């Protein structure tokens, strides 16, 4: 049986974020969960996320906590754009 393409995409994103010190943003609203298949997908994705989180340095964070970390970082030096 072929895995659901949405689940496969989410797993790839989680795996890549865990190996490349990246961010995988899973965007959805509760109203996107409209039928049993959606809940099954979410359960499968969250089980994979928990397994990866428990076996790698991956951190699970809200977008708000990531934004706070970024805002607290030193600003990058800026180069002027255009002619000088």
PDB file of N, CA and C in Angstrom:
ATOM      1  N   UNK A   1       0.845  -1.185   0.000  1.00  0.00           N
ATOM      2  CA  UNK A   1       0.000   0.000   0.000  1.00  0.00           C
ATOM      3  C   UNK A   1       0.890   1.247   0.000  1.00  0.00           C
ATOM      4  N   UNK A   2       0.590   2.188  -0.860  1.00  0.00           N
ATOM      5  CA  UNK A   2       1.352   3.421  -0.966  1.00  0.00           C
ATOM      6  C   UNK A   2       0.938   4.375   0.149  1.00  0.00           C
ATOM      7  N   UNK A   3       1.947   5.031   0.729  1.00  0.00           N
ATOM      8  CA  UNK A   3       1.650   5.976   1.804  1.00  0.00           C
ATOM      9  C   UNK A   3       0.970   7.224   1.241  1.00  0.00           C
ATOM     10  N   UNK A   4       0.110   7.790   2.014  1.00  0.00           N
ATOM     11  CA  UNK A   4      -0.592   9.019   1.667  1.00  0.00           C
ATOM     12  C   UNK A   4       0.436  10.098   1.304  1.00  0.00           C
ATOM     13  N   UNK A   5       0.276  10.793   0.174  1.00  0.00           N
ATOM     14  CA  UNK A   5       1.267  11.795  -0.235  1.00  0.00           C
ATOM     15  C   UNK A   5       1.403  12.954   0.752  1.00  0.00           C
ATOM     16  N   UNK A   6       0.349  13.316   1.427  1.00  0.00           N
ATOM     17  CA  UNK A   6       0.434  14.391   2.421  1.00  0.00           C
ATOM     18  C   UNK A   6       1.280  13.939   3.604  1.00  0.00           C
ATOM     19  N   UNK A   7       1.085  12.712   4.049  1.00  0.00           N
ATOM     20  CA  UNK A   7       1.880  12.165   5.150  1.00  0.00           C
ATOM     21  C   UNK A   7       3.341  12.047   4.718  1.00  0.00           C
ATOM     22  N   UNK A   8       3.578  11.573   3.511  1.00  0.00           N
ATOM     23  CA  UNK A   8       4.955  11.432   3.008  1.00  0.00           C
ATOM     24  C   UNK A   8       5.662  12.781   2.969  1.00  0.00           C
ATOM     25  N   UNK A   9       4.967  13.811   2.485  1.00  0.00           N
ATOM     26  CA  UNK A   9       5.563  15.140   2.404  1.00  0.00           C
ATOM     27  C   UNK A   9       5.904  15.666   3.797  1.00  0.00           C
ATOM     28  N   UNK A  10       5.006  15.485   4.744  1.00  0.00           N
ATOM     29  CA  UNK A  10       5.259  15.947   6.108  1.00  0.00           C
ATOM     30  C   UNK A  10       6.438  15.200   6.724  1.00  0.00           C
ATOM     31  N   UNK A  11       6.503  13.894   6.530  1.00  0.00           N
ATOM     32  CA  UNK A  11       7.618  13.115   7.079  1.00  0.00           C
ATOM     33  C   UNK A  11       8.941  13.560   6.474  1.00  0.00           C
ATOM     34  N   UNK A  12       8.959  13.810   5.164  1.00  0.00           N
ATOM     35  CA  UNK A  12      10.191  14.287   4.523  1.00  0.00           C
ATOM     36  C   UNK A  12      10.620  15.631   5.107  1.00  0.00           C
ATOM     37  N   UNK A  13       9.658  16.522   5.318  1.00  0.00           N
ATOM     38  CA  UNK A  13       9.976  17.824   5.891  1.00  0.00           C
ATOM     39  C   UNK A  13      10.513  17.711   7.306  1.00  0.00           C
ATOM     40  N   UNK A  14       9.921  16.861   8.107  1.00  0.00           N
ATOM     41  CA  UNK A  14      10.384  16.640   9.481  1.00  0.00           C
ATOM     42  C   UNK A  14      11.789  16.051   9.466  1.00  0.00           C
ATOM     43  N   UNK A  15      11.999  15.048   8.629  1.00  0.00           N
ATOM     44  CA  UNK A  15      13.317  14.407   8.552  1.00  0.00           C
ATOM     45  C   UNK A  15      14.379  15.397   8.093  1.00  0.00           C
ATOM     46  N   UNK A  16      14.051  16.199   7.109  1.00  0.00           N
ATOM     47  CA  UNK A  16      15.029  17.166   6.594  1.00  0.00           C
ATOM     48  C   UNK A  16      15.343  18.226   7.648  1.00  0.00           C
ATOM     49  N   UNK A  17      14.334  18.711   8.337  1.00  0.00           N
ATOM     50  CA  UNK A  17      14.569  19.702   9.393  1.00  0.00           C
ATOM     51  C   UNK A  17      15.461  19.127  10.481  1.00  0.00           C
ATOM     52  N   UNK A  18      15.306  17.841  10.780  1.00  0.00           N
ATOM     53  CA  UNK A  18      16.097  17.230  11.853  1.00  0.00           C
ATOM     54  C   UNK A  18      17.548  17.024  11.447  1.00  0.00           C
ATOM     55  N   UNK A  19      17.821  16.838  10.157  1.00  0.00           N
ATOM     56  CA  UNK A  19      19.201  16.586   9.719  1.00  0.00           C
ATOM     57  C   UNK A  19      19.912  17.843   9.259  1.00  0.00           C
ATOM     58  N   UNK A  20      19.173  18.900   8.953  1.00  0.00           N
ATOM     59  CA  UNK A  20      19.786  20.118   8.418  1.00  0.00           C
ATOM     60  C   UNK A  20      19.615  21.320   9.336  1.00  0.00           C
ATOM     61  N   UNK A  21      19.252  21.087  10.597  1.00  0.00           N
ATOM     62  CA  UNK A  21      19.025  22.174  11.547  1.00  0.00           C
ATOM     63  C   UNK A  21      18.077  23.207  10.946  1.00  0.00           C
ATOM     64  N   UNK A  22      17.004  22.712  10.361  1.00  0.00           N
ATOM     65  CA  UNK A  22      16.060  23.588   9.684  1.00  0.00           C
ATOM     66  C   UNK A  22      14.748  23.703  10.420  1.00  0.00           C
ATOM     67  N   UNK A  23      13.802  24.315   9.746  1.00  0.00           N
ATOM     68  CA  UNK A  23      12.459  24.505  10.281  1.00  0.00           C
ATOM     69  C   UNK A  23      11.475  23.849   9.321  1.00  0.00           C
ATOM     70  N   UNK A  24      10.588  23.063   9.857  1.00  0.00           N
ATOM     71  CA  UNK A  24       9.470  22.529   9.092  1.00  0.00           C
ATOM     72  C   UNK A  24       8.212  23.089   9.722  1.00  0.00           C
ATOM     73  N   UNK A  25       7.477  23.866   8.960  1.00  0.00           N
ATOM     74  CA  UNK A  25       6.268  24.501   9.471  1.00  0.00           C
ATOM     75  C   UNK A  25       5.063  23.757   8.922  1.00  0.00           C
ATOM     76  N   UNK A  26       4.323  23.144   9.807  1.00  0.00           N
ATOM     77  CA  UNK A  26       3.113  22.442   9.407  1.00  0.00           C
ATOM     78  C   UNK A  26       1.930  23.362   9.687  1.00  0.00           C
ATOM     79  N   UNK A  27       1.389  23.922   8.647  1.00  0.00           N
ATOM     80  CA  UNK A  27       0.329  24.910   8.762  1.00  0.00           C
ATOM     81  C   UNK A  27      -1.027  24.254   8.607  1.00  0.00           C
ATOM     82  N   UNK A  28      -1.879  24.488   9.546  1.00  0.00           N
ATOM     83  CA  UNK A  28      -3.275  24.068   9.426  1.00  0.00           C
ATOM     84  C   UNK A  28      -4.082  24.718  10.536  1.00  0.00           C
ATOM     85  N   UNK A  29      -5.373  24.705  10.353  1.00  0.00           N
ATOM     86  CA  UNK A  29      -6.306  25.168  11.374  1.00  0.00           C
ATOM     87  C   UNK A  29      -7.210  23.991  11.732  1.00  0.00           C
ATOM     88  N   UNK A  30      -7.742  23.971  12.935  1.00  0.00           N
ATOM     89  CA  UNK A  30      -8.611  22.850  13.321  1.00  0.00           C
ATOM     90  C   UNK A  30      -9.752  22.598  12.331  1.00  0.00           C
ATOM     91  N   UNK A  31     -10.223  23.652  11.672  1.00  0.00           N
ATOM     92  CA  UNK A  31     -11.311  23.436  10.714  1.00  0.00           C
ATOM     93  C   UNK A  31     -10.835  22.715   9.450  1.00  0.00           C
ATOM     94  N   UNK A  32      -9.500  22.525   9.292  1.00  0.00           N
ATOM     95  CA  UNK A  32      -8.986  21.723   8.186  1.00  0.00           C
ATOM     96  C   UNK A  32      -9.163  20.231   8.453  1.00  0.00           C
ATOM     97  N   UNK A  33      -9.447  19.866   9.685  1.00  0.00           N
ATOM     98  CA  UNK A  33      -9.679  18.462  10.028  1.00  0.00           C
ATOM     99  C   UNK A  33     -11.172  18.203   9.866  1.00  0.00           C
ATOM    100  N   UNK A  34     -11.545  17.720   8.694  1.00  0.00           N
ATOM    101  CA  UNK A  34     -12.973  17.614   8.388  1.00  0.00           C
ATOM    102  C   UNK A  34     -13.506  16.196   8.377  1.00  0.00           C
ATOM    103  N   UNK A  35     -12.623  15.205   8.237  1.00  0.00           N
ATOM    104  CA  UNK A  35     -13.119  13.825   8.235  1.00  0.00           C
ATOM    105  C   UNK A  35     -12.101  12.901   8.903  1.00  0.00           C
ATOM    106  N   UNK A  36     -12.472  11.663   9.053  1.00  0.00           N
ATOM    107  CA  UNK A  36     -11.636  10.698   9.772  1.00  0.00           C
ATOM    108  C   UNK A  36     -10.253  10.566   9.147  1.00  0.00           C
ATOM    109  N   UNK A  37     -10.167  10.627   7.822  1.00  0.00           N
ATOM    110  CA  UNK A  37      -8.874  10.516   7.140  1.00  0.00           C
ATOM    111  C   UNK A  37      -7.917  11.621   7.587  1.00  0.00           C
ATOM    112  N   UNK A  38      -8.434  12.839   7.778  1.00  0.00           N
ATOM    113  CA  UNK A  38      -7.595  13.947   8.226  1.00  0.00           C
ATOM    114  C   UNK A  38      -7.020  13.677   9.615  1.00  0.00           C
ATOM    115  N   UNK A  39      -7.836  13.131  10.508  1.00  0.00           N
ATOM    116  CA  UNK A  39      -7.362  12.811  11.857  1.00  0.00           C
ATOM    117  C   UNK A  39      -6.328  11.684  11.817  1.00  0.00           C
ATOM    118  N   UNK A  40      -6.532  10.713  10.949  1.00  0.00           N
ATOM    119  CA  UNK A  40      -5.562   9.621  10.801  1.00  0.00           C
ATOM    120  C   UNK A  40      -4.233  10.146  10.268  1.00  0.00           C
ATOM    121  N   UNK A  41      -4.301  11.049   9.296  1.00  0.00           N
ATOM    122  CA  UNK A  41      -3.071  11.667   8.775  1.00  0.00           C
ATOM    123  C   UNK A  41      -2.324  12.388   9.898  1.00  0.00           C
ATOM    124  N   UNK A  42      -3.060  13.204  10.637  1.00  0.00           N
ATOM    125  CA  UNK A  42      -2.439  13.977  11.713  1.00  0.00           C
ATOM    126  C   UNK A  42      -1.806  13.058  12.747  1.00  0.00           C
ATOM    127  N   UNK A  43      -2.493  11.998  13.101  1.00  0.00           N
ATOM    128  CA  UNK A  43      -1.950  11.048  14.072  1.00  0.00           C
ATOM    129  C   UNK A  43      -0.657  10.415  13.552  1.00  0.00           C
ATOM    130  N   UNK A  44      -0.636  10.009  12.298  1.00  0.00           N
ATOM    131  CA  UNK A  44       0.557   9.399  11.712  1.00  0.00           C
ATOM    132  C   UNK A  44       1.716  10.390  11.692  1.00  0.00           C
ATOM    133  N   UNK A  45       1.438  11.626  11.306  1.00  0.00           N
ATOM    134  CA  UNK A  45       2.478  12.658  11.255  1.00  0.00           C
ATOM    135  C   UNK A  45       3.011  12.943  12.655  1.00  0.00           C
ATOM    136  N   UNK A  46       2.131  13.080  13.632  1.00  0.00           N
ATOM    137  CA  UNK A  46       2.575  13.381  14.999  1.00  0.00           C
ATOM    138  C   UNK A  46       3.343  12.218  15.618  1.00  0.00           C
ATOM    139  N   UNK A  47       2.977  10.989  15.286  1.00  0.00           N
ATOM    140  CA  UNK A  47       3.749   9.833  15.766  1.00  0.00           C
ATOM    141  C   UNK A  47       5.165   9.873  15.194  1.00  0.00           C
ATOM    142  N   UNK A  48       5.280  10.199  13.919  1.00  0.00           N
ATOM    143  CA  UNK A  48       6.607  10.298  13.296  1.00  0.00           C
ATOM    144  C   UNK A  48       7.395  11.445  13.932  1.00  0.00           C
ATOM    145  N   UNK A  49       6.742  12.571  14.131  1.00  0.00           N
ATOM    146  CA  UNK A  49       7.396  13.721  14.751  1.00  0.00           C
ATOM    147  C   UNK A  49       7.925  13.362  16.135  1.00  0.00           C
ATOM    148  N   UNK A  50       7.137  12.677  16.933  1.00  0.00           N
ATOM    149  CA  UNK A  50       7.568  12.285  18.281  1.00  0.00           C
ATOM    150  C   UNK A  50       8.774  11.358  18.220  1.00  0.00           C
ATOM    151  N   UNK A  51       8.757  10.425  17.285  1.00  0.00           N
ATOM    152  CA  UNK A  51       9.886   9.497  17.149  1.00  0.00           C
ATOM    153  C   UNK A  51      11.163  10.241  16.762  1.00  0.00           C
ATOM    154  N   UNK A  52      11.057  11.150  15.800  1.00  0.00           N
ATOM    155  CA  UNK A  52      12.233  11.911  15.370  1.00  0.00           C
ATOM    156  C   UNK A  52      12.702  12.830  16.491  1.00  0.00           C
ATOM    157  N   UNK A  53      11.780  13.476  17.171  1.00  0.00           N
ATOM    158  CA  UNK A  53      12.137  14.366  18.290  1.00  0.00           C
ATOM    159  C   UNK A  53      12.878  13.605  19.385  1.00  0.00           C
ATOM    160  N   UNK A  54      12.458  12.368  19.635  1.00  0.00           N
ATOM    161  CA  UNK A  54      13.056  11.577  20.708  1.00  0.00           C
ATOM    162  C   UNK A  54      14.406  10.973  20.331  1.00  0.00           C
ATOM    163  N   UNK A  55      14.750  10.952  19.051  1.00  0.00           N
ATOM    164  CA  UNK A  55      15.988  10.285  18.619  1.00  0.00           C
ATOM    165  C   UNK A  55      16.968  11.217  17.924  1.00  0.00           C
ATOM    166  N   UNK A  56      16.636  12.505  17.823  1.00  0.00           N
ATOM    167  CA  UNK A  56      17.529  13.476  17.179  1.00  0.00           C
ATOM    168  C   UNK A  56      17.503  14.767  17.992  1.00  0.00           C
ATOM    169  N   UNK A  57      18.333  15.740  17.623  1.00  0.00           N
ATOM    170  CA  UNK A  57      18.297  17.037  18.318  1.00  0.00           C
ATOM    171  C   UNK A  57      17.105  17.923  17.933  1.00  0.00           C
ATOM    172  N   UNK A  58      16.186  17.422  17.124  1.00  0.00           N
ATOM    173  CA  UNK A  58      15.043  18.215  16.673  1.00  0.00           C
ATOM    174  C   UNK A  58      14.277  18.782  17.863  1.00  0.00           C
ATOM    175  N   UNK A  59      13.929  20.055  17.761  1.00  0.00           N
ATOM    176  CA  UNK A  59      13.095  20.700  18.780  1.00  0.00           C
ATOM    177  C   UNK A  59      11.739  21.006  18.168  1.00  0.00           C
ATOM    178  N   UNK A  60      10.694  20.797  18.922  1.00  0.00           N
ATOM    179  CA  UNK A  60       9.344  21.130  18.485  1.00  0.00           C
ATOM    180  C   UNK A  60       8.978  22.445  19.159  1.00  0.00           C
ATOM    181  N   UNK A  61       8.659  23.453  18.344  1.00  0.00           N
ATOM    182  CA  UNK A  61       8.375  24.783  18.866  1.00  0.00           C
ATOM    183  C   UNK A  61       7.176  25.381  18.144  1.00  0.00           C
ATOM    184  N   UNK A  62       6.576  26.358  18.788  1.00  0.00           N
ATOM    185  CA  UNK A  62       5.537  27.134  18.112  1.00  0.00           C
ATOM    186  C   UNK A  62       6.214  28.180  17.230  1.00  0.00           C
ATOM    187  N   UNK A  63       5.482  28.703  16.268  1.00  0.00           N
ATOM    188  CA  UNK A  63       6.034  29.777  15.438  1.00  0.00           C
ATOM    189  C   UNK A  63       6.318  31.010  16.296  1.00  0.00           C
ATOM    190  N   UNK A  64       5.528  31.219  17.340  1.00  0.00           N
ATOM    191  CA  UNK A  64       5.767  32.343  18.234  1.00  0.00           C
ATOM    192  C   UNK A  64       7.103  32.240  18.942  1.00  0.00           C
ATOM    193  N   UNK A  65       7.472  31.039  19.392  1.00  0.00           N
ATOM    194  CA  UNK A  65       8.757  30.889  20.085  1.00  0.00           C
ATOM    195  C   UNK A  65       9.919  31.028  19.109  1.00  0.00           C
ATOM    196  N   UNK A  66       9.744  30.567  17.883  1.00  0.00           N
ATOM    197  CA  UNK A  66      10.795  30.751  16.873  1.00  0.00           C
ATOM    198  C   UNK A  66      10.954  32.236  16.561  1.00  0.00           C
ATOM    199  N   UNK A  67       9.845  32.952  16.413  1.00  0.00           N
ATOM    200  CA  UNK A  67       9.905  34.387  16.141  1.00  0.00           C
ATOM    201  C   UNK A  67      10.613  35.119  17.275  1.00  0.00           C
ATOM    202  N   UNK A  68      10.344  34.742  18.519  1.00  0.00           N
ATOM    203  CA  UNK A  68      11.014  35.381  19.656  1.00  0.00           C
ATOM    204  C   UNK A  68      12.512  35.149  19.606  1.00  0.00           C
ATOM    205  N   UNK A  69      12.929  33.937  19.261  1.00  0.00           N
ATOM    206  CA  UNK A  69      14.359  33.650  19.148  1.00  0.00           C
ATOM    207  C   UNK A  69      14.993  34.494  18.053  1.00  0.00           C
ATOM    208  N   UNK A  70      14.330  34.605  16.935  1.00  0.00           N
ATOM    209  CA  UNK A  70      14.874  35.377  15.820  1.00  0.00           C
ATOM    210  C   UNK A  70      14.962  36.850  16.197  1.00  0.00           C
ATOM    211  N   UNK A  71      13.934  37.370  16.853  1.00  0.00           N
ATOM    212  CA  UNK A  71      13.944  38.772  17.249  1.00  0.00           C
ATOM    213  C   UNK A  71      15.033  39.056  18.271  1.00  0.00           C
ATOM    214  N   UNK A  72      15.379  38.076  19.103  1.00  0.00           N
ATOM    215  CA  UNK A  72      16.398  38.275  20.126  1.00  0.00           C
ATOM    216  C   UNK A  72      17.813  38.163  19.581  1.00  0.00           C
ATOM    217  N   UNK A  73      17.985  37.617  18.373  1.00  0.00           N
ATOM    218  CA  UNK A  73      19.306  37.500  17.762  1.00  0.00           C
ATOM    219  C   UNK A  73      19.826  38.878  17.387  1.00  0.00           C
ATOM    220  N   UNK A  74      21.152  38.950  17.278  1.00  0.00           N
ATOM    221  CA  UNK A  74      21.772  40.180  16.807  1.00  0.00           C
ATOM    222  C   UNK A  74      21.349  40.418  15.362  1.00  0.00           C
ATOM    223  N   UNK A  75      21.043  41.644  15.010  1.00  0.00           N
ATOM    224  CA  UNK A  75      20.671  41.899  13.620  1.00  0.00           C
ATOM    225  C   UNK A  75      21.858  41.654  12.687  1.00  0.00           C
ATOM    226  N   UNK A  76      21.561  41.213  11.496  1.00  0.00           N
ATOM    227  CA  UNK A  76      22.606  40.996  10.506  1.00  0.00           C
ATOM    228  C   UNK A  76      23.093  42.341   9.996  1.00  0.00           C
ATOM    229  N   UNK A  77      24.410  42.445   9.710  1.00  0.00           N
ATOM    230  CA  UNK A  77      24.891  43.710   9.136  1.00  0.00           C
ATOM    231  C   UNK A  77      24.209  43.940   7.787  1.00  0.00           C
ATOM    232  N   UNK A  78      23.880  45.169   7.532  1.00  0.00           N
ATOM    233  CA  UNK A  78      23.178  45.491   6.285  1.00  0.00           C
ATOM    234  C   UNK A  78      24.113  46.229   5.340  1.00  0.00           C
ATOM    235  N   UNK A  79      24.061  45.828   4.105  1.00  0.00           N
ATOM    236  CA  UNK A  79      24.806  46.507   3.052  1.00  0.00           C
ATOM    237  C   UNK A  79      23.823  47.396   2.303  1.00  0.00           C
ATOM    238  N   UNK A  80      24.251  48.598   1.962  1.00  0.00           N
ATOM    239  CA  UNK A  80      23.356  49.463   1.188  1.00  0.00           C
ATOM    240  C   UNK A  80      22.995  48.811  -0.144  1.00  0.00           C
ATOM    241  N   UNK A  81      21.787  49.053  -0.584  1.00  0.00           N
ATOM    242  CA  UNK A  81      21.328  48.549  -1.871  1.00  0.00           C
ATOM    243  C   UNK A  81      21.321  49.715  -2.854  1.00  0.00           C
ATOM    244  N   UNK A  82      21.801  49.470  -4.048  1.00  0.00           N
ATOM    245  CA  UNK A  82      21.781  50.495  -5.092  1.00  0.00           C
ATOM    246  C   UNK A  82      23.088  51.261  -5.156  1.00  0.00           C
ATOM    247  N   UNK A  83      23.127  52.271  -6.006  1.00  0.00           N
ATOM    248  CA  UNK A  83      24.375  53.032  -6.193  1.00  0.00           C
ATOM    249  C   UNK A  83      24.731  53.812  -4.941  1.00  0.00           C
ATOM    250  N   UNK A  84      26.019  53.994  -4.774  1.00  0.00           N
ATOM    251  CA  UNK A  84      26.499  54.765  -3.605  1.00  0.00           C
ATOM    252  C   UNK A  84      27.008  56.104  -4.033  1.00  0.00           C
TER     253      UNK A  84
END
